[in-house]
C-alpha atoms as a PDB file:
ATOM      1  CA  MET A   1      39.391 -14.678-149.162  1.00  0.00           C
ATOM      2  CA  VAL A   2      40.113 -18.205-149.302  1.00  0.00           C
ATOM      3  CA  ALA A   3      43.295 -17.961-147.313  1.00  0.00           C
ATOM      4  CA  HIS A   4      41.169 -16.540-144.741  1.00  0.00           C
ATOM      5  CA  LEU A   5      38.850 -19.436-144.619  1.00  0.00           C
ATOM      6  CA  SER A   6      41.934 -22.260-144.502  1.00  0.00           C
ATOM      7  CA  ILE A   7      43.519 -20.384-141.481  1.00  0.00           C
ATOM      8  CA  ARG A   8      40.246 -20.359-139.717  1.00  0.00           C
ATOM      9  CA  ARG A   9      39.349 -24.115-140.377  1.00  0.00           C
ATOM     10  CA  ARG A  10      43.179 -24.970-139.076  1.00  0.00           C
ATOM     11  CA  ARG A  11      42.437 -23.174-135.821  1.00  0.00           C
ATOM     12  CA  GLN A  12      39.460 -24.796-135.259  1.00  0.00           C
ATOM     13  CA  ALA A  13      41.132 -28.180-136.155  1.00  0.00           C
ATOM     14  CA  ALA A  14      43.679 -27.345-133.726  1.00  0.00           C
ATOM     15  CA  ARG A  15      40.836 -26.560-131.310  1.00  0.00           C
ATOM     16  CA  ARG A  16      39.219 -30.086-131.345  1.00  0.00           C
ATOM     17  CA  ARG A  17      42.291 -31.608-131.139  1.00  0.00           C
ATOM     18  CA  ALA A  18      43.288 -29.921-127.815  1.00  0.00           C
ATOM     19  CA  ARG A  19      40.014 -30.598-126.292  1.00  0.00           C
ATOM     20  CA  GLN A  20      40.039 -34.376-127.394  1.00  0.00           C
ATOM     21  CA  GLY A  21      43.249 -34.610-125.565  1.00  0.00           C
ATOM     22  CA  ALA A  22      41.456 -32.818-122.586  1.00  0.00           C
ATOM     23  CA  LEU A  23      38.687 -35.383-122.400  1.00  0.00           C
ATOM     24  CA  SER A  24      41.162 -38.351-123.278  1.00  0.00           C
ATOM     25  CA  SER A  25      42.891 -37.193-119.743  1.00  0.00           C
ATOM     26  CA  LEU A  26      39.711 -36.532-117.858  1.00  0.00           C
ATOM     27  CA  ASP A  27      38.353 -40.105-118.846  1.00  0.00           C
ATOM     28  CA  TYR A  28      42.151 -41.674-117.090  1.00  0.00           C
ATOM     29  CA  VAL A  29      41.579 -39.619-114.065  1.00  0.00           C
ATOM     30  CA  LEU A  30      37.695 -40.724-113.901  1.00  0.00           C
ATOM     31  CA  VAL A  31      38.862 -44.514-114.222  1.00  0.00           C
ATOM     32  CA  LEU A  32      41.915 -44.151-111.506  1.00  0.00           C
ATOM     33  CA  GLY A  33      39.949 -41.995-109.405  1.00  0.00           C
ATOM     34  CA  VAL A  34      36.231 -43.100-109.455  1.00  0.00           C
ATOM     35  CA  ILE A  35      35.698 -46.342-111.232  1.00  0.00           C
ATOM     36  CA  PHE A  36      39.085 -48.260-109.394  1.00  0.00           C
ATOM     37  CA  PRO A  37      37.816 -47.437-105.864  1.00  0.00           C
ATOM     38  CA  MET A  38      34.267 -47.961-106.489  1.00  0.00           C
ATOM     39  CA  VAL A  39      35.072 -51.471-108.322  1.00  0.00           C
ATOM     40  CA  LEU A  40      37.586 -52.332-104.990  1.00  0.00           C
ATOM     41  CA  PHE A  41      34.947 -51.405-102.524  1.00  0.00           C
ATOM     42  CA  ILE A  42      32.306 -54.057-104.345  1.00  0.00           C
ATOM     43  CA  MET A  43      34.697 -56.782-104.202  1.00  0.00           C
ATOM     44  CA  LYS A  44      35.428 -56.321-100.656  1.00  0.00           C
ATOM     45  CA  ILE A  45      31.737 -55.711 -99.770  1.00  0.00           C
ATOM     46  CA  ALA A  46      30.153 -58.097-102.264  1.00  0.00           C
ATOM     47  CA  PRO A  47      30.735 -61.698-100.039  1.00  0.00           C
ATOM     48  CA  MET A  48      28.845 -59.738 -97.419  1.00  0.00           C
ATOM     49  CA  ILE A  49      25.832 -58.780 -99.332  1.00  0.00           C
ATOM     50  CA  ILE A  50      25.793 -62.287-100.642  1.00  0.00           C
ATOM     51  CA  GLY A  51      25.602 -63.689 -97.215  1.00  0.00           C
ATOM     52  CA  TYR A  52      23.248 -61.517 -95.920  1.00  0.00           C
ATOM     53  CA  THR A  53      20.966 -62.222 -99.167  1.00  0.00           C
ATOM     54  CA  TYR A  54      21.726 -65.755 -98.388  1.00  0.00           C
ATOM     55  CA  GLU A  55      20.148 -65.362 -94.825  1.00  0.00           C
ATOM     56  CA  MET A  56      17.354 -62.958 -95.678  1.00  0.00           C
ATOM     57  CA  MET A  57      16.441 -65.598 -98.186  1.00  0.00           C
ATOM     58  CA  PHE A  58      16.647 -68.465 -95.892  1.00  0.00           C
ATOM     59  CA  VAL A  59      14.390 -66.444 -92.934  1.00  0.00           C
ATOM     60  CA  LEU A  60      11.746 -65.453 -95.505  1.00  0.00           C
ATOM     61  CA  ILE A  61      11.597 -69.292 -97.041  1.00  0.00           C
ATOM     62  CA  SER A  62      11.963 -71.138 -93.739  1.00  0.00           C
ATOM     63  CA  TRP A  63       9.941 -69.123 -91.060  1.00  0.00           C
ATOM     64  CA  PRO A  64       6.241 -70.607 -91.957  1.00  0.00           C
ATOM     65  CA  PHE A  65       7.776 -73.809 -90.937  1.00  0.00           C
ATOM     66  CA  VAL A  66       9.038 -72.744 -87.757  1.00  0.00           C
END
């Protein structure tokens, strides 16, 4: 009975290790396929968004004085 339980525990541990390896490769795919393109897009468009925000604030602050 004890030998049977230790075999079962070894198999469960092996399954856990296999799942952890699969999860870490999914993390790499997520970073390379999703996060990096989003960061590149944000870095490319950020100056334009900052410019539009500055322009909008300028219009909101200055329109009563025009």
